[in-house]
């Protein structure tokens, strides 16, 4: 039983690491978007600003999907053990 408890702790830690990693990536995207969108807005380029928002939404969705897949791999690996 002690081994199972250790596995659960390791699983929780790994999932937390994955969560932190992907949240940091998403935050980077937010910062980049803000900078690029500000430039587009300053130039009065509403079309480019809109495209940047769409691109950002796709990027964030992709990162979240990847994050969940990574966490699911950890969960499945631990449930087999």
Protein backbone atom coordinates (compact mmCIF):
# COMPACT_ATOMS: atom_id res chain seq x y z
CA UNK A 1 0.00 0.00 0.00
CA UNK A 2 2.89 2.38 0.73
CA UNK A 3 4.08 2.00 -2.85
CA UNK A 4 0.63 2.94 -4.16
CA UNK A 5 0.65 6.08 -1.97
CA UNK A 6 4.05 7.03 -3.35
CA UNK A 7 2.78 6.54 -6.87
CA UNK A 8 -0.18 8.81 -6.20
CA UNK A 9 2.09 11.50 -4.75
CA UNK A 10 4.41 11.26 -7.78
CA UNK A 11 1.39 11.43 -10.10
CA UNK A 12 0.02 14.54 -8.37
CA UNK A 13 3.44 16.21 -8.50
CA UNK A 14 3.91 15.42 -12.20
CA UNK A 15 0.43 16.69 -13.07
CA UNK A 16 1.16 19.89 -11.14
CA UNK A 17 4.44 20.29 -13.08
CA UNK A 18 2.63 19.85 -16.39
CA UNK A 19 -0.01 22.35 -15.31
CA UNK A 20 2.63 24.94 -14.34
CA UNK A 21 4.57 24.41 -17.56
CA UNK A 22 1.57 24.90 -19.82
CA UNK A 23 0.17 27.80 -17.80
CA UNK A 24 3.54 29.51 -18.23
CA UNK A 25 3.41 28.90 -21.98
CA UNK A 26 -0.09 30.34 -22.14
CA UNK A 27 1.03 33.37 -20.13
CA UNK A 28 3.88 33.90 -22.63
CA UNK A 29 1.34 33.85 -25.44
CA UNK A 30 -0.75 36.43 -23.57
CA UNK A 31 2.24 38.76 -23.26
CA UNK A 32 3.19 38.34 -26.92
CA UNK A 33 -0.40 38.95 -28.02
CA UNK A 34 -0.67 42.11 -25.93
CA UNK A 35 2.51 43.48 -27.49
CA UNK A 36 1.60 42.56 -31.08
CA UNK A 37 -2.00 43.71 -30.67
CA UNK A 38 -0.87 47.05 -29.21
CA UNK A 39 1.33 47.56 -32.27
CA UNK A 40 -1.56 46.72 -34.61
CA UNK A 41 -3.90 49.01 -32.69
CA UNK A 42 -1.33 51.83 -32.76
CA UNK A 43 -1.16 51.47 -36.52
CA UNK A 44 -4.95 51.42 -36.75
CA UNK A 45 -4.88 47.93 -38.24
CA UNK A 46 -8.09 46.43 -36.84
CA UNK A 47 -7.97 43.51 -39.28
CA UNK A 48 -4.51 42.45 -38.10
CA UNK A 49 -5.55 42.87 -34.47
CA UNK A 50 -8.54 40.60 -35.09
CA UNK A 51 -6.36 37.99 -36.79
CA UNK A 52 -3.95 38.12 -33.88
CA UNK A 53 -6.80 37.46 -31.42
CA UNK A 54 -7.97 34.50 -33.52
CA UNK A 55 -4.44 33.11 -33.77
CA UNK A 56 -4.03 33.54 -30.02
CA UNK A 57 -7.29 31.71 -29.31
CA UNK A 58 -6.17 28.78 -31.50
CA UNK A 59 -2.73 28.69 -29.85
CA UNK A 60 -4.17 28.71 -26.34
CA UNK A 61 -6.74 26.02 -27.21
CA UNK A 62 -3.98 23.85 -28.69
CA UNK A 63 -1.80 24.32 -25.61
CA UNK A 64 -4.70 23.44 -23.29
CA UNK A 65 -5.49 20.31 -25.31
CA UNK A 66 -1.85 19.25 -25.21
CA UNK A 67 -1.71 19.93 -21.47
CA UNK A 68 -4.75 17.72 -20.87
CA UNK A 69 -3.32 14.93 -23.05
CA UNK A 70 -0.06 15.05 -21.07
CA UNK A 71 -1.94 14.90 -17.77
CA UNK A 72 -4.08 12.01 -19.06
CA UNK A 73 -0.92 10.08 -19.97
CA UNK A 74 0.31 10.46 -16.40
CA UNK A 75 -3.06 9.35 -15.01
CA UNK A 76 -3.23 6.30 -17.29
CA UNK A 77 0.36 5.31 -16.61
CA UNK A 78 -0.29 5.46 -12.88
CA UNK A 79 -3.57 3.57 -13.05
CA UNK A 80 -1.86 0.65 -14.81
CA UNK A 81 0.85 0.39 -12.16
